[in-house]
Amino acid sequence: MHNGYLPAALERYREQREAVLDLFHSDTLMNSRSRSSSIRFLEDFYEILEDPERVQKRLIDKCRG
């Protein structure tokens, strides 16, 4: 993805946060441990998206290698 598209892509993820988390909270197919682990992962991901410095360090810089 080109960096020019990144702000809009990040905003789209942010807009879908509650819907995505609701899917995992209401899932009945995963066991409790897997569901909790997945939710923690997603919550951590969304926390990164809320912090521009972390977005730079954890997403942009990592993609550049």
PDB file of N, CA and C in Angstrom:
ATOM      1  N   MET A   1       0.849  -1.170   0.000  1.00  0.00           N
ATOM      2  CA  MET A   1       0.000   0.000   0.000  1.00  0.00           C
ATOM      3  C   MET A   1       0.894   1.231   0.000  1.00  0.00           C
ATOM      4  N   HIS A   2       0.519   2.196  -0.771  1.00  0.00           N
ATOM      5  CA  HIS A   2       1.269   3.445  -0.794  1.00  0.00           C
ATOM      6  C   HIS A   2       0.895   4.282   0.413  1.00  0.00           C
ATOM      7  N   ASN A   3       1.868   5.000   0.956  1.00  0.00           N
ATOM      8  CA  ASN A   3       1.631   5.787   2.163  1.00  0.00           C
ATOM      9  C   ASN A   3       0.529   6.824   1.994  1.00  0.00           C
ATOM     10  N   GLY A   4       0.265   7.281   0.788  1.00  0.00           N
ATOM     11  CA  GLY A   4      -0.805   8.234   0.555  1.00  0.00           C
ATOM     12  C   GLY A   4      -2.178   7.674   0.887  1.00  0.00           C
ATOM     13  N   TYR A   5      -2.305   6.361   0.818  1.00  0.00           N
ATOM     14  CA  TYR A   5      -3.572   5.700   1.128  1.00  0.00           C
ATOM     15  C   TYR A   5      -3.699   5.339   2.606  1.00  0.00           C
ATOM     16  N   LEU A   6      -2.613   5.420   3.317  1.00  0.00           N
ATOM     17  CA  LEU A   6      -2.594   4.941   4.697  1.00  0.00           C
ATOM     18  C   LEU A   6      -3.571   5.659   5.623  1.00  0.00           C
ATOM     19  N   PRO A   7      -3.644   6.977   5.638  1.00  0.00           N
ATOM     20  CA  PRO A   7      -4.589   7.632   6.564  1.00  0.00           C
ATOM     21  C   PRO A   7      -6.031   7.159   6.380  1.00  0.00           C
ATOM     22  N   ALA A   8      -6.476   7.032   5.148  1.00  0.00           N
ATOM     23  CA  ALA A   8      -7.845   6.573   4.894  1.00  0.00           C
ATOM     24  C   ALA A   8      -8.019   5.117   5.312  1.00  0.00           C
ATOM     25  N   ALA A   9      -7.007   4.303   5.069  1.00  0.00           N
ATOM     26  CA  ALA A   9      -7.087   2.894   5.467  1.00  0.00           C
ATOM     27  C   ALA A   9      -7.148   2.764   6.982  1.00  0.00           C
ATOM     28  N   LEU A  10      -6.332   3.536   7.684  1.00  0.00           N
ATOM     29  CA  LEU A  10      -6.350   3.492   9.148  1.00  0.00           C
ATOM     30  C   LEU A  10      -7.693   3.967   9.689  1.00  0.00           C
ATOM     31  N   GLU A  11      -8.247   4.992   9.079  1.00  0.00           N
ATOM     32  CA  GLU A  11      -9.554   5.495   9.515  1.00  0.00           C
ATOM     33  C   GLU A  11     -10.638   4.441   9.301  1.00  0.00           C
ATOM     34  N   ARG A  12     -10.546   3.726   8.219  1.00  0.00           N
ATOM     35  CA  ARG A  12     -11.531   2.662   7.961  1.00  0.00           C
ATOM     36  C   ARG A  12     -11.450   1.582   9.032  1.00  0.00           C
ATOM     37  N   TYR A  13     -10.243   1.201   9.418  1.00  0.00           N
ATOM     38  CA  TYR A  13     -10.089   0.242  10.518  1.00  0.00           C
ATOM     39  C   TYR A  13     -10.696   0.793  11.802  1.00  0.00           C
ATOM     40  N   ARG A  14     -10.407   2.059  12.097  1.00  0.00           N
ATOM     41  CA  ARG A  14     -10.938   2.678  13.324  1.00  0.00           C
ATOM     42  C   ARG A  14     -12.465   2.683  13.328  1.00  0.00           C
ATOM     43  N   GLU A  15     -13.051   2.988  12.191  1.00  0.00           N
ATOM     44  CA  GLU A  15     -14.509   3.036  12.090  1.00  0.00           C
ATOM     45  C   GLU A  15     -15.149   1.673  12.341  1.00  0.00           C
ATOM     46  N   GLN A  16     -14.432   0.618  12.028  1.00  0.00           N
ATOM     47  CA  GLN A  16     -14.981  -0.731  12.155  1.00  0.00           C
ATOM     48  C   GLN A  16     -14.632  -1.414  13.476  1.00  0.00           C
ATOM     49  N   ARG A  17     -13.950  -0.695  14.350  1.00  0.00           N
ATOM     50  CA  ARG A  17     -13.466  -1.283  15.604  1.00  0.00           C
ATOM     51  C   ARG A  17     -14.560  -2.021  16.380  1.00  0.00           C
ATOM     52  N   GLU A  18     -15.635  -1.336  16.691  1.00  0.00           N
ATOM     53  CA  GLU A  18     -16.689  -1.946  17.506  1.00  0.00           C
ATOM     54  C   GLU A  18     -17.321  -3.141  16.809  1.00  0.00           C
ATOM     55  N   ALA A  19     -17.555  -3.033  15.516  1.00  0.00           N
ATOM     56  CA  ALA A  19     -18.160  -4.137  14.774  1.00  0.00           C
ATOM     57  C   ALA A  19     -17.254  -5.367  14.794  1.00  0.00           C
ATOM     58  N   VAL A  20     -15.964  -5.159  14.605  1.00  0.00           N
ATOM     59  CA  VAL A  20     -15.013  -6.280  14.613  1.00  0.00           C
ATOM     60  C   VAL A  20     -14.954  -6.915  15.999  1.00  0.00           C
ATOM     61  N   LEU A  21     -14.821  -6.083  17.027  1.00  0.00           N
ATOM     62  CA  LEU A  21     -14.757  -6.624  18.388  1.00  0.00           C
ATOM     63  C   LEU A  21     -16.053  -7.335  18.765  1.00  0.00           C
ATOM     64  N   ASP A  22     -17.190  -6.801  18.341  1.00  0.00           N
ATOM     65  CA  ASP A  22     -18.473  -7.451  18.624  1.00  0.00           C
ATOM     66  C   ASP A  22     -18.539  -8.845  18.014  1.00  0.00           C
ATOM     67  N   LEU A  23     -17.975  -9.003  16.817  1.00  0.00           N
ATOM     68  CA  LEU A  23     -17.956 -10.327  16.187  1.00  0.00           C
ATOM     69  C   LEU A  23     -17.235 -11.345  17.064  1.00  0.00           C
ATOM     70  N   PHE A  24     -16.123 -10.943  17.618  1.00  0.00           N
ATOM     71  CA  PHE A  24     -15.353 -11.862  18.450  1.00  0.00           C
ATOM     72  C   PHE A  24     -16.011 -12.081  19.807  1.00  0.00           C
ATOM     73  N   HIS A  25     -16.572 -11.027  20.381  1.00  0.00           N
ATOM     74  CA  HIS A  25     -17.247 -11.173  21.673  1.00  0.00           C
ATOM     75  C   HIS A  25     -18.447 -12.114  21.569  1.00  0.00           C
ATOM     76  N   SER A  26     -19.126 -12.105  20.442  1.00  0.00           N
ATOM     77  CA  SER A  26     -20.332 -12.920  20.300  1.00  0.00           C
ATOM     78  C   SER A  26     -20.071 -14.284  19.668  1.00  0.00           C
ATOM     79  N   ASP A  27     -18.846 -14.557  19.283  1.00  0.00           N
ATOM     80  CA  ASP A  27     -18.521 -15.829  18.643  1.00  0.00           C
ATOM     81  C   ASP A  27     -18.773 -16.999  19.588  1.00  0.00           C
ATOM     82  N   THR A  28     -19.360 -18.046  19.056  1.00  0.00           N
ATOM     83  CA  THR A  28     -19.617 -19.249  19.851  1.00  0.00           C
ATOM     84  C   THR A  28     -18.807 -20.446  19.363  1.00  0.00           C
ATOM     85  N   LEU A  29     -18.032 -20.273  18.310  1.00  0.00           N
ATOM     86  CA  LEU A  29     -17.271 -21.391  17.757  1.00  0.00           C
ATOM     87  C   LEU A  29     -15.884 -21.534  18.375  1.00  0.00           C
ATOM     88  N   MET A  30     -15.278 -20.431  18.766  1.00  0.00           N
ATOM     89  CA  MET A  30     -13.958 -20.493  19.398  1.00  0.00           C
ATOM     90  C   MET A  30     -14.110 -20.832  20.871  1.00  0.00           C
ATOM     91  N   ASN A  31     -13.094 -21.500  21.393  1.00  0.00           N
ATOM     92  CA  ASN A  31     -13.127 -21.723  22.836  1.00  0.00           C
ATOM     93  C   ASN A  31     -12.798 -20.408  23.541  1.00  0.00           C
ATOM     94  N   SER A  32     -13.071 -20.363  24.812  1.00  0.00           N
ATOM     95  CA  SER A  32     -12.934 -19.130  25.590  1.00  0.00           C
ATOM     96  C   SER A  32     -11.516 -18.568  25.533  1.00  0.00           C
ATOM     97  N   ARG A  33     -10.534 -19.444  25.632  1.00  0.00           N
ATOM     98  CA  ARG A  33      -9.141 -18.996  25.629  1.00  0.00           C
ATOM     99  C   ARG A  33      -8.757 -18.361  24.290  1.00  0.00           C
ATOM    100  N   SER A  34      -9.135 -19.005  23.202  1.00  0.00           N
ATOM    101  CA  SER A  34      -8.832 -18.464  21.871  1.00  0.00           C
ATOM    102  C   SER A  34      -9.551 -17.146  21.630  1.00  0.00           C
ATOM    103  N   ARG A  35     -10.798 -17.083  22.047  1.00  0.00           N
ATOM    104  CA  ARG A  35     -11.573 -15.854  21.878  1.00  0.00           C
ATOM    105  C   ARG A  35     -10.925 -14.712  22.657  1.00  0.00           C
ATOM    106  N   SER A  36     -10.559 -14.962  23.910  1.00  0.00           N
ATOM    107  CA  SER A  36      -9.924 -13.928  24.738  1.00  0.00           C
ATOM    108  C   SER A  36      -8.601 -13.475  24.143  1.00  0.00           C
ATOM    109  N   SER A  37      -7.820 -14.417  23.662  1.00  0.00           N
ATOM    110  CA  SER A  37      -6.532 -14.089  23.054  1.00  0.00           C
ATOM    111  C   SER A  37      -6.726 -13.242  21.796  1.00  0.00           C
ATOM    112  N   SER A  38      -7.692 -13.602  20.991  1.00  0.00           N
ATOM    113  CA  SER A  38      -7.977 -12.848  19.769  1.00  0.00           C
ATOM    114  C   SER A  38      -8.440 -11.436  20.089  1.00  0.00           C
ATOM    115  N   ILE A  39      -9.288 -11.308  21.089  1.00  0.00           N
ATOM    116  CA  ILE A  39      -9.786  -9.992  21.480  1.00  0.00           C
ATOM    117  C   ILE A  39      -8.652  -9.126  22.005  1.00  0.00           C
ATOM    118  N   ARG A  40      -7.761  -9.702  22.808  1.00  0.00           N
ATOM    119  CA  ARG A  40      -6.603  -8.941  23.303  1.00  0.00           C
ATOM    120  C   ARG A  40      -5.736  -8.461  22.138  1.00  0.00           C
ATOM    121  N   PHE A  41      -5.495  -9.345  21.174  1.00  0.00           N
ATOM    122  CA  PHE A  41      -4.707  -8.978  19.996  1.00  0.00           C
ATOM    123  C   PHE A  41      -5.353  -7.798  19.272  1.00  0.00           C
ATOM    124  N   LEU A  42      -6.655  -7.889  19.036  1.00  0.00           N
ATOM    125  CA  LEU A  42      -7.364  -6.817  18.333  1.00  0.00           C
ATOM    126  C   LEU A  42      -7.352  -5.517  19.121  1.00  0.00           C
ATOM    127  N   GLU A  43      -7.560  -5.599  20.421  1.00  0.00           N
ATOM    128  CA  GLU A  43      -7.532  -4.389  21.248  1.00  0.00           C
ATOM    129  C   GLU A  43      -6.156  -3.739  21.213  1.00  0.00           C
ATOM    130  N   ASP A  44      -5.103  -4.550  21.246  1.00  0.00           N
ATOM    131  CA  ASP A  44      -3.740  -4.010  21.127  1.00  0.00           C
ATOM    132  C   ASP A  44      -3.540  -3.338  19.765  1.00  0.00           C
ATOM    133  N   PHE A  45      -4.021  -3.990  18.720  1.00  0.00           N
ATOM    134  CA  PHE A  45      -3.921  -3.431  17.372  1.00  0.00           C
ATOM    135  C   PHE A  45      -4.616  -2.078  17.295  1.00  0.00           C
ATOM    136  N   TYR A  46      -5.825  -2.004  17.828  1.00  0.00           N
ATOM    137  CA  TYR A  46      -6.563  -0.744  17.773  1.00  0.00           C
ATOM    138  C   TYR A  46      -5.928   0.332  18.652  1.00  0.00           C
ATOM    139  N   GLU A  47      -5.278  -0.045  19.728  1.00  0.00           N
ATOM    140  CA  GLU A  47      -4.545   0.932  20.544  1.00  0.00           C
ATOM    141  C   GLU A  47      -3.394   1.533  19.742  1.00  0.00           C
ATOM    142  N   ILE A  48      -2.720   0.710  18.966  1.00  0.00           N
ATOM    143  CA  ILE A  48      -1.645   1.201  18.102  1.00  0.00           C
ATOM    144  C   ILE A  48      -2.199   2.229  17.120  1.00  0.00           C
ATOM    145  N   LEU A  49      -3.358   1.938  16.543  1.00  0.00           N
ATOM    146  CA  LEU A  49      -3.942   2.841  15.553  1.00  0.00           C
ATOM    147  C   LEU A  49      -4.293   4.208  16.122  1.00  0.00           C
ATOM    148  N   GLU A  50      -4.478   4.288  17.432  1.00  0.00           N
ATOM    149  CA  GLU A  50      -4.837   5.560  18.061  1.00  0.00           C
ATOM    150  C   GLU A  50      -3.623   6.429  18.388  1.00  0.00           C
ATOM    151  N   ASP A  51      -2.428   5.905  18.204  1.00  0.00           N
ATOM    152  CA  ASP A  51      -1.207   6.625  18.567  1.00  0.00           C
ATOM    153  C   ASP A  51      -0.319   6.781  17.330  1.00  0.00           C
ATOM    154  N   PRO A  52      -0.234   7.984  16.764  1.00  0.00           N
ATOM    155  CA  PRO A  52       0.548   8.190  15.540  1.00  0.00           C
ATOM    156  C   PRO A  52       2.004   7.726  15.644  1.00  0.00           C
ATOM    157  N   GLU A  53       2.625   7.915  16.802  1.00  0.00           N
ATOM    158  CA  GLU A  53       4.014   7.462  16.958  1.00  0.00           C
ATOM    159  C   GLU A  53       4.104   5.942  16.879  1.00  0.00           C
ATOM    160  N   ARG A  54       3.158   5.267  17.479  1.00  0.00           N
ATOM    161  CA  ARG A  54       3.154   3.801  17.422  1.00  0.00           C
ATOM    162  C   ARG A  54       2.813   3.304  16.020  1.00  0.00           C
ATOM    163  N   VAL A  55       1.934   4.004  15.313  1.00  0.00           N
ATOM    164  CA  VAL A  55       1.640   3.646  13.922  1.00  0.00           C
ATOM    165  C   VAL A  55       2.928   3.721  13.113  1.00  0.00           C
ATOM    166  N   GLN A  56       3.671   4.801  13.295  1.00  0.00           N
ATOM    167  CA  GLN A  56       4.925   4.967  12.567  1.00  0.00           C
ATOM    168  C   GLN A  56       5.896   3.834  12.890  1.00  0.00           C
ATOM    169  N   LYS A  57       6.090   3.585  14.173  1.00  0.00           N
ATOM    170  CA  LYS A  57       7.088   2.601  14.607  1.00  0.00           C
ATOM    171  C   LYS A  57       6.661   1.161  14.321  1.00  0.00           C
ATOM    172  N   ARG A  58       5.432   0.816  14.657  1.00  0.00           N
ATOM    173  CA  ARG A  58       4.989  -0.575  14.605  1.00  0.00           C
ATOM    174  C   ARG A  58       4.444  -1.002  13.250  1.00  0.00           C
ATOM    175  N   LEU A  59       3.974  -0.055  12.449  1.00  0.00           N
ATOM    176  CA  LEU A  59       3.399  -0.421  11.157  1.00  0.00           C
ATOM    177  C   LEU A  59       4.236   0.086   9.987  1.00  0.00           C
ATOM    178  N   ILE A  60       4.408   1.385   9.903  1.00  0.00           N
ATOM    179  CA  ILE A  60       5.081   1.961   8.734  1.00  0.00           C
ATOM    180  C   ILE A  60       6.547   1.554   8.675  1.00  0.00           C
ATOM    181  N   ASP A  61       7.282   1.768   9.764  1.00  0.00           N
ATOM    182  CA  ASP A  61       8.706   1.423   9.767  1.00  0.00           C
ATOM    183  C   ASP A  61       8.928  -0.073   9.571  1.00  0.00           C
ATOM    184  N   LYS A  62       8.072  -0.902  10.148  1.00  0.00           N
ATOM    185  CA  LYS A  62       8.215  -2.357  10.003  1.00  0.00           C
ATOM    186  C   LYS A  62       7.995  -2.782   8.557  1.00  0.00           C
ATOM    187  N   CYS A  63       7.056  -2.123   7.876  1.00  0.00           N
ATOM    188  CA  CYS A  63       6.787  -2.467   6.479  1.00  0.00           C
ATOM    189  C   CYS A  63       7.944  -2.083   5.566  1.00  0.00           C
ATOM    190  N   ARG A  64       8.640  -1.043   5.945  1.00  0.00           N
ATOM    191  CA  ARG A  64       9.774  -0.593   5.135  1.00  0.00           C
ATOM    192  C   ARG A  64      11.002  -1.468   5.360  1.00  0.00           C
ATOM    193  N   GLY A  65      10.979  -2.229   6.435  1.00  0.00           N
ATOM    194  CA  GLY A  65      12.074  -3.140   6.712  1.00  0.00           C
ATOM    195  C   GLY A  65      13.120  -2.479   7.475  1.00  0.00           C
TER     196      GLY A  65
END
